[in-house]
Amino acid sequence: MDKIKKIIAEQLSIDENSIREDSNFKDDLGADSLDLFNLVMAFEDEYGVEIPSEDLEKITTVSAVVNYLKNKGIEI
């Protein structure tokens, strides 16, 4: 979870401590579509996984990212 928070904080230029598992990327963290695109690319690079565009709409919160990666068999 710490690594995910670090990636989010770096991509969105926010304080890591402001990120909670239930944080919504758009509503709570102020991410726009370009931010979300860059965030997904950062997760793909970090975890060596491809996130198809049809899955992007499901990834709206920090916990959704964690669950998505875990479901892909990635250790968080």
PDB file of N, CA and C in Angstrom:
ATOM      1  N   MET A   1       0.827  -1.199   0.000  1.00  0.00           N
ATOM      2  CA  MET A   1       0.000   0.000   0.000  1.00  0.00           C
ATOM      3  C   MET A   1       0.870   1.262   0.000  1.00  0.00           C
ATOM      4  N   ASP A   2       2.001   1.201   0.689  1.00  0.00           N
ATOM      5  CA  ASP A   2       2.886   2.366   0.741  1.00  0.00           C
ATOM      6  C   ASP A   2       3.416   2.737  -0.644  1.00  0.00           C
ATOM      7  N   LYS A   3       3.752   1.703  -1.426  1.00  0.00           N
ATOM      8  CA  LYS A   3       4.275   1.961  -2.767  1.00  0.00           C
ATOM      9  C   LYS A   3       3.188   2.599  -3.639  1.00  0.00           C
ATOM     10  N   ILE A   4       1.963   2.120  -3.499  1.00  0.00           N
ATOM     11  CA  ILE A   4       0.855   2.683  -4.275  1.00  0.00           C
ATOM     12  C   ILE A   4       0.630   4.138  -3.875  1.00  0.00           C
ATOM     13  N   LYS A   5       0.644   4.410  -2.577  1.00  0.00           N
ATOM     14  CA  LYS A   5       0.480   5.789  -2.108  1.00  0.00           C
ATOM     15  C   LYS A   5       1.587   6.687  -2.646  1.00  0.00           C
ATOM     16  N   LYS A   6       2.799   6.163  -2.665  1.00  0.00           N
ATOM     17  CA  LYS A   6       3.935   6.948  -3.148  1.00  0.00           C
ATOM     18  C   LYS A   6       3.758   7.300  -4.631  1.00  0.00           C
ATOM     19  N   ILE A   7       3.338   6.320  -5.427  1.00  0.00           N
ATOM     20  CA  ILE A   7       3.107   6.553  -6.862  1.00  0.00           C
ATOM     21  C   ILE A   7       2.019   7.611  -7.048  1.00  0.00           C
ATOM     22  N   ILE A   8       0.928   7.476  -6.303  1.00  0.00           N
ATOM     23  CA  ILE A   8      -0.180   8.428  -6.422  1.00  0.00           C
ATOM     24  C   ILE A   8       0.282   9.828  -6.029  1.00  0.00           C
ATOM     25  N   ALA A   9       1.002   9.926  -4.921  1.00  0.00           N
ATOM     26  CA  ALA A   9       1.479  11.229  -4.443  1.00  0.00           C
ATOM     27  C   ALA A   9       2.396  11.883  -5.470  1.00  0.00           C
ATOM     28  N   GLU A  10       3.291  11.091  -6.059  1.00  0.00           N
ATOM     29  CA  GLU A  10       4.211  11.637  -7.070  1.00  0.00           C
ATOM     30  C   GLU A  10       3.457  12.093  -8.318  1.00  0.00           C
ATOM     31  N   GLN A  11       2.542  11.264  -8.801  1.00  0.00           N
ATOM     32  CA  GLN A  11       1.824  11.579 -10.038  1.00  0.00           C
ATOM     33  C   GLN A  11       0.887  12.778  -9.882  1.00  0.00           C
ATOM     34  N   LEU A  12       0.283  12.912  -8.708  1.00  0.00           N
ATOM     35  CA  LEU A  12      -0.695  13.978  -8.496  1.00  0.00           C
ATOM     36  C   LEU A  12      -0.106  15.179  -7.759  1.00  0.00           C
ATOM     37  N   SER A  13       1.170  15.091  -7.396  1.00  0.00           N
ATOM     38  CA  SER A  13       1.848  16.162  -6.657  1.00  0.00           C
ATOM     39  C   SER A  13       1.084  16.547  -5.391  1.00  0.00           C
ATOM     40  N   ILE A  14       0.761  15.520  -4.600  1.00  0.00           N
ATOM     41  CA  ILE A  14       0.060  15.749  -3.335  1.00  0.00           C
ATOM     42  C   ILE A  14       0.808  15.061  -2.210  1.00  0.00           C
ATOM     43  N   ASP A  15       0.438  15.381  -0.988  1.00  0.00           N
ATOM     44  CA  ASP A  15       1.054  14.785   0.192  1.00  0.00           C
ATOM     45  C   ASP A  15       0.558  13.345   0.354  1.00  0.00           C
ATOM     46  N   GLU A  16       1.520  12.451   0.550  1.00  0.00           N
ATOM     47  CA  GLU A  16       1.184  11.030   0.721  1.00  0.00           C
ATOM     48  C   GLU A  16       0.207  10.803   1.872  1.00  0.00           C
ATOM     49  N   ASN A  17       0.313  11.626   2.915  1.00  0.00           N
ATOM     50  CA  ASN A  17      -0.544  11.464   4.093  1.00  0.00           C
ATOM     51  C   ASN A  17      -1.998  11.813   3.820  1.00  0.00           C
ATOM     52  N   SER A  18      -2.269  12.498   2.722  1.00  0.00           N
ATOM     53  CA  SER A  18      -3.657  12.853   2.401  1.00  0.00           C
ATOM     54  C   SER A  18      -4.373  11.737   1.642  1.00  0.00           C
ATOM     55  N   ILE A  19      -3.651  10.657   1.342  1.00  0.00           N
ATOM     56  CA  ILE A  19      -4.219   9.555   0.559  1.00  0.00           C
ATOM     57  C   ILE A  19      -4.696   8.449   1.497  1.00  0.00           C
ATOM     58  N   ARG A  20      -5.979   8.119   1.372  1.00  0.00           N
ATOM     59  CA  ARG A  20      -6.546   7.013   2.152  1.00  0.00           C
ATOM     60  C   ARG A  20      -7.031   5.940   1.179  1.00  0.00           C
ATOM     61  N   GLU A  21      -7.290   4.766   1.689  1.00  0.00           N
ATOM     62  CA  GLU A  21      -7.764   3.675   0.826  1.00  0.00           C
ATOM     63  C   GLU A  21      -9.077   4.007   0.146  1.00  0.00           C
ATOM     64  N   ASP A  22      -9.929   4.759   0.831  1.00  0.00           N
ATOM     65  CA  ASP A  22     -11.238   5.075   0.244  1.00  0.00           C
ATOM     66  C   ASP A  22     -11.221   6.381  -0.550  1.00  0.00           C
ATOM     67  N   SER A  23     -10.035   6.973  -0.751  1.00  0.00           N
ATOM     68  CA  SER A  23      -9.933   8.222  -1.512  1.00  0.00           C
ATOM     69  C   SER A  23     -10.328   7.997  -2.970  1.00  0.00           C
ATOM     70  N   ASN A  24     -11.213   8.866  -3.451  1.00  0.00           N
ATOM     71  CA  ASN A  24     -11.609   8.843  -4.860  1.00  0.00           C
ATOM     72  C   ASN A  24     -10.635   9.748  -5.611  1.00  0.00           C
ATOM     73  N   PHE A  25     -10.118   9.252  -6.727  1.00  0.00           N
ATOM     74  CA  PHE A  25      -9.099  10.003  -7.455  1.00  0.00           C
ATOM     75  C   PHE A  25      -9.592  11.372  -7.900  1.00  0.00           C
ATOM     76  N   LYS A  26     -10.798  11.431  -8.431  1.00  0.00           N
ATOM     77  CA  LYS A  26     -11.319  12.710  -8.935  1.00  0.00           C
ATOM     78  C   LYS A  26     -11.855  13.581  -7.797  1.00  0.00           C
ATOM     79  N   ASP A  27     -12.742  13.027  -6.987  1.00  0.00           N
ATOM     80  CA  ASP A  27     -13.437  13.816  -5.964  1.00  0.00           C
ATOM     81  C   ASP A  27     -12.542  14.211  -4.790  1.00  0.00           C
ATOM     82  N   ASP A  28     -11.742  13.272  -4.291  1.00  0.00           N
ATOM     83  CA  ASP A  28     -10.942  13.538  -3.092  1.00  0.00           C
ATOM     84  C   ASP A  28      -9.529  14.035  -3.396  1.00  0.00           C
ATOM     85  N   LEU A  29      -8.952  13.552  -4.498  1.00  0.00           N
ATOM     86  CA  LEU A  29      -7.547  13.861  -4.775  1.00  0.00           C
ATOM     87  C   LEU A  29      -7.374  14.852  -5.934  1.00  0.00           C
ATOM     88  N   GLY A  30      -8.478  15.263  -6.540  1.00  0.00           N
ATOM     89  CA  GLY A  30      -8.436  16.299  -7.565  1.00  0.00           C
ATOM     90  C   GLY A  30      -7.818  15.893  -8.898  1.00  0.00           C
ATOM     91  N   ALA A  31      -7.822  14.605  -9.197  1.00  0.00           N
ATOM     92  CA  ALA A  31      -7.237  14.127 -10.455  1.00  0.00           C
ATOM     93  C   ALA A  31      -8.176  14.390 -11.624  1.00  0.00           C
ATOM     94  N   ASP A  32      -7.596  14.801 -12.754  1.00  0.00           N
ATOM     95  CA  ASP A  32      -8.390  14.923 -13.973  1.00  0.00           C
ATOM     96  C   ASP A  32      -8.073  13.727 -14.871  1.00  0.00           C
ATOM     97  N   SER A  33      -8.642  13.692 -16.083  1.00  0.00           N
ATOM     98  CA  SER A  33      -8.443  12.512 -16.937  1.00  0.00           C
ATOM     99  C   SER A  33      -6.990  12.292 -17.314  1.00  0.00           C
ATOM    100  N   LEU A  34      -6.253  13.367 -17.549  1.00  0.00           N
ATOM    101  CA  LEU A  34      -4.833  13.220 -17.879  1.00  0.00           C
ATOM    102  C   LEU A  34      -4.057  12.668 -16.689  1.00  0.00           C
ATOM    103  N   ASP A  35      -4.390  13.146 -15.483  1.00  0.00           N
ATOM    104  CA  ASP A  35      -3.757  12.615 -14.269  1.00  0.00           C
ATOM    105  C   ASP A  35      -4.013  11.117 -14.143  1.00  0.00           C
ATOM    106  N   LEU A  36      -5.253  10.717 -14.392  1.00  0.00           N
ATOM    107  CA  LEU A  36      -5.613   9.303 -14.274  1.00  0.00           C
ATOM    108  C   LEU A  36      -4.873   8.461 -15.311  1.00  0.00           C
ATOM    109  N   PHE A  37      -4.751   8.987 -16.515  1.00  0.00           N
ATOM    110  CA  PHE A  37      -4.019   8.289 -17.564  1.00  0.00           C
ATOM    111  C   PHE A  37      -2.555   8.091 -17.141  1.00  0.00           C
ATOM    112  N   ASN A  38      -1.930   9.146 -16.644  1.00  0.00           N
ATOM    113  CA  ASN A  38      -0.538   9.060 -16.193  1.00  0.00           C
ATOM    114  C   ASN A  38      -0.384   8.132 -14.998  1.00  0.00           C
ATOM    115  N   LEU A  39      -1.378   8.136 -14.132  1.00  0.00           N
ATOM    116  CA  LEU A  39      -1.365   7.262 -12.966  1.00  0.00           C
ATOM    117  C   LEU A  39      -1.403   5.798 -13.392  1.00  0.00           C
ATOM    118  N   VAL A  40      -2.284   5.482 -14.326  1.00  0.00           N
ATOM    119  CA  VAL A  40      -2.397   4.113 -14.834  1.00  0.00           C
ATOM    120  C   VAL A  40      -1.082   3.684 -15.483  1.00  0.00           C
ATOM    121  N   MET A  41      -0.475   4.588 -16.263  1.00  0.00           N
ATOM    122  CA  MET A  41       0.808   4.264 -16.885  1.00  0.00           C
ATOM    123  C   MET A  41       1.887   4.002 -15.824  1.00  0.00           C
ATOM    124  N   ALA A  42       1.860   4.756 -14.755  1.00  0.00           N
ATOM    125  CA  ALA A  42       2.832   4.557 -13.672  1.00  0.00           C
ATOM    126  C   ALA A  42       2.618   3.202 -13.000  1.00  0.00           C
ATOM    127  N   PHE A  43       1.364   2.822 -12.775  1.00  0.00           N
ATOM    128  CA  PHE A  43       1.076   1.499 -12.193  1.00  0.00           C
ATOM    129  C   PHE A  43       1.508   0.390 -13.137  1.00  0.00           C
ATOM    130  N   GLU A  44       1.248   0.567 -14.423  1.00  0.00           N
ATOM    131  CA  GLU A  44       1.648  -0.440 -15.410  1.00  0.00           C
ATOM    132  C   GLU A  44       3.163  -0.613 -15.407  1.00  0.00           C
ATOM    133  N   ASP A  45       3.893   0.486 -15.378  1.00  0.00           N
ATOM    134  CA  ASP A  45       5.360   0.421 -15.356  1.00  0.00           C
ATOM    135  C   ASP A  45       5.877  -0.230 -14.079  1.00  0.00           C
ATOM    136  N   GLU A  46       5.323   0.191 -12.961  1.00  0.00           N
ATOM    137  CA  GLU A  46       5.804  -0.291 -11.658  1.00  0.00           C
ATOM    138  C   GLU A  46       5.528  -1.779 -11.452  1.00  0.00           C
ATOM    139  N   TYR A  47       4.347  -2.224 -11.860  1.00  0.00           N
ATOM    140  CA  TYR A  47       3.930  -3.597 -11.568  1.00  0.00           C
ATOM    141  C   TYR A  47       3.987  -4.530 -12.773  1.00  0.00           C
ATOM    142  N   GLY A  48       4.394  -4.023 -13.929  1.00  0.00           N
ATOM    143  CA  GLY A  48       4.532  -4.877 -15.108  1.00  0.00           C
ATOM    144  C   GLY A  48       3.227  -5.502 -15.551  1.00  0.00           C
ATOM    145  N   VAL A  49       2.171  -4.733 -15.477  1.00  0.00           N
ATOM    146  CA  VAL A  49       0.842  -5.222 -15.852  1.00  0.00           C
ATOM    147  C   VAL A  49       0.242  -4.250 -16.863  1.00  0.00           C
ATOM    148  N   GLU A  50      -0.602  -4.780 -17.739  1.00  0.00           N
ATOM    149  CA  GLU A  50      -1.307  -3.894 -18.667  1.00  0.00           C
ATOM    150  C   GLU A  50      -2.736  -3.742 -18.187  1.00  0.00           C
ATOM    151  N   ILE A  51      -3.178  -2.505 -18.072  1.00  0.00           N
ATOM    152  CA  ILE A  51      -4.541  -2.236 -17.630  1.00  0.00           C
ATOM    153  C   ILE A  51      -5.328  -1.779 -18.865  1.00  0.00           C
ATOM    154  N   PRO A  52      -6.211  -2.644 -19.374  1.00  0.00           N
ATOM    155  CA  PRO A  52      -6.975  -2.300 -20.575  1.00  0.00           C
ATOM    156  C   PRO A  52      -7.899  -1.105 -20.333  1.00  0.00           C
ATOM    157  N   SER A  53      -8.136  -0.338 -21.383  1.00  0.00           N
ATOM    158  CA  SER A  53      -8.949   0.878 -21.243  1.00  0.00           C
ATOM    159  C   SER A  53     -10.353   0.584 -20.714  1.00  0.00           C
ATOM    160  N   GLU A  54     -10.895  -0.586 -21.015  1.00  0.00           N
ATOM    161  CA  GLU A  54     -12.248  -0.896 -20.512  1.00  0.00           C
ATOM    162  C   GLU A  54     -12.270  -1.096 -18.993  1.00  0.00           C
ATOM    163  N   ASP A  55     -11.092  -1.343 -18.384  1.00  0.00           N
ATOM    164  CA  ASP A  55     -11.030  -1.502 -16.934  1.00  0.00           C
ATOM    165  C   ASP A  55     -10.836  -0.169 -16.209  1.00  0.00           C
ATOM    166  N   LEU A  56     -10.469   0.863 -16.942  1.00  0.00           N
ATOM    167  CA  LEU A  56     -10.155   2.143 -16.311  1.00  0.00           C
ATOM    168  C   LEU A  56     -11.333   2.752 -15.561  1.00  0.00           C
ATOM    169  N   GLU A  57     -12.535   2.609 -16.108  1.00  0.00           N
ATOM    170  CA  GLU A  57     -13.699   3.216 -15.449  1.00  0.00           C
ATOM    171  C   GLU A  57     -14.011   2.571 -14.099  1.00  0.00           C
ATOM    172  N   LYS A  58     -13.504   1.359 -13.867  1.00  0.00           N
ATOM    173  CA  LYS A  58     -13.723   0.672 -12.590  1.00  0.00           C
ATOM    174  C   LYS A  58     -12.746   1.144 -11.518  1.00  0.00           C
ATOM    175  N   ILE A  59     -11.642   1.739 -11.955  1.00  0.00           N
ATOM    176  CA  ILE A  59     -10.589   2.130 -11.021  1.00  0.00           C
ATOM    177  C   ILE A  59     -10.788   3.597 -10.631  1.00  0.00           C
ATOM    178  N   THR A  60     -11.624   3.807  -9.627  1.00  0.00           N
ATOM    179  CA  THR A  60     -11.969   5.174  -9.227  1.00  0.00           C
ATOM    180  C   THR A  60     -11.417   5.558  -7.861  1.00  0.00           C
ATOM    181  N   THR A  61     -11.035   4.545  -7.071  1.00  0.00           N
ATOM    182  CA  THR A  61     -10.511   4.809  -5.727  1.00  0.00           C
ATOM    183  C   THR A  61      -9.183   4.087  -5.530  1.00  0.00           C
ATOM    184  N   VAL A  62      -8.503   4.461  -4.478  1.00  0.00           N
ATOM    185  CA  VAL A  62      -7.222   3.822  -4.156  1.00  0.00           C
ATOM    186  C   VAL A  62      -7.442   2.334  -3.889  1.00  0.00           C
ATOM    187  N   SER A  63      -8.480   1.994  -3.135  1.00  0.00           N
ATOM    188  CA  SER A  63      -8.739   0.577  -2.845  1.00  0.00           C
ATOM    189  C   SER A  63      -9.089  -0.199  -4.115  1.00  0.00           C
ATOM    190  N   ALA A  64      -9.710   0.461  -5.088  1.00  0.00           N
ATOM    191  CA  ALA A  64     -10.026  -0.206  -6.361  1.00  0.00           C
ATOM    192  C   ALA A  64      -8.746  -0.585  -7.094  1.00  0.00           C
ATOM    193  N   VAL A  65      -7.726   0.273  -7.026  1.00  0.00           N
ATOM    194  CA  VAL A  65      -6.432  -0.044  -7.649  1.00  0.00           C
ATOM    195  C   VAL A  65      -5.805  -1.244  -6.947  1.00  0.00           C
ATOM    196  N   VAL A  66      -5.802  -1.203  -5.627  1.00  0.00           N
ATOM    197  CA  VAL A  66      -5.224  -2.301  -4.847  1.00  0.00           C
ATOM    198  C   VAL A  66      -5.918  -3.613  -5.187  1.00  0.00           C
ATOM    199  N   ASN A  67      -7.245  -3.614  -5.183  1.00  0.00           N
ATOM    200  CA  ASN A  67      -8.007  -4.833  -5.490  1.00  0.00           C
ATOM    201  C   ASN A  67      -7.766  -5.298  -6.919  1.00  0.00           C
ATOM    202  N   TYR A  68      -7.710  -4.355  -7.857  1.00  0.00           N
ATOM    203  CA  TYR A  68      -7.475  -4.696  -9.260  1.00  0.00           C
ATOM    204  C   TYR A  68      -6.128  -5.400  -9.419  1.00  0.00           C
ATOM    205  N   LEU A  69      -5.092  -4.819  -8.825  1.00  0.00           N
ATOM    206  CA  LEU A  69      -3.756  -5.411  -8.934  1.00  0.00           C
ATOM    207  C   LEU A  69      -3.694  -6.773  -8.242  1.00  0.00           C
ATOM    208  N   LYS A  70      -4.335  -6.887  -7.087  1.00  0.00           N
ATOM    209  CA  LYS A  70      -4.358  -8.177  -6.374  1.00  0.00           C
ATOM    210  C   LYS A  70      -5.067  -9.236  -7.217  1.00  0.00           C
ATOM    211  N   ASN A  71      -6.155  -8.849  -7.881  1.00  0.00           N
ATOM    212  CA  ASN A  71      -6.888  -9.790  -8.737  1.00  0.00           C
ATOM    213  C   ASN A  71      -6.072 -10.229  -9.948  1.00  0.00           C
ATOM    214  N   LYS A  72      -5.093  -9.411 -10.325  1.00  0.00           N
ATOM    215  CA  LYS A  72      -4.180  -9.757 -11.425  1.00  0.00           C
ATOM    216  C   LYS A  72      -2.999 -10.589 -10.914  1.00  0.00           C
ATOM    217  N   GLY A  73      -3.022 -10.931  -9.614  1.00  0.00           N
ATOM    218  CA  GLY A  73      -1.989 -11.772  -9.039  1.00  0.00           C
ATOM    219  C   GLY A  73      -0.738 -11.027  -8.613  1.00  0.00           C
ATOM    220  N   ILE A  74      -0.864  -9.715  -8.427  1.00  0.00           N
ATOM    221  CA  ILE A  74       0.292  -8.914  -8.041  1.00  0.00           C
ATOM    222  C   ILE A  74       0.286  -8.710  -6.533  1.00  0.00           C
ATOM    223  N   GLU A  75       1.439  -8.958  -5.933  1.00  0.00           N
ATOM    224  CA  GLU A  75       1.589  -8.762  -4.484  1.00  0.00           C
ATOM    225  C   GLU A  75       1.707  -7.277  -4.186  1.00  0.00           C
ATOM    226  N   ILE A  76       0.887  -6.788  -3.301  1.00  0.00           N
ATOM    227  CA  ILE A  76       0.922  -5.379  -2.924  1.00  0.00           C
ATOM    228  C   ILE A  76       1.591  -5.226  -1.561  1.00  0.00           C
TER     229      ILE A  76
END
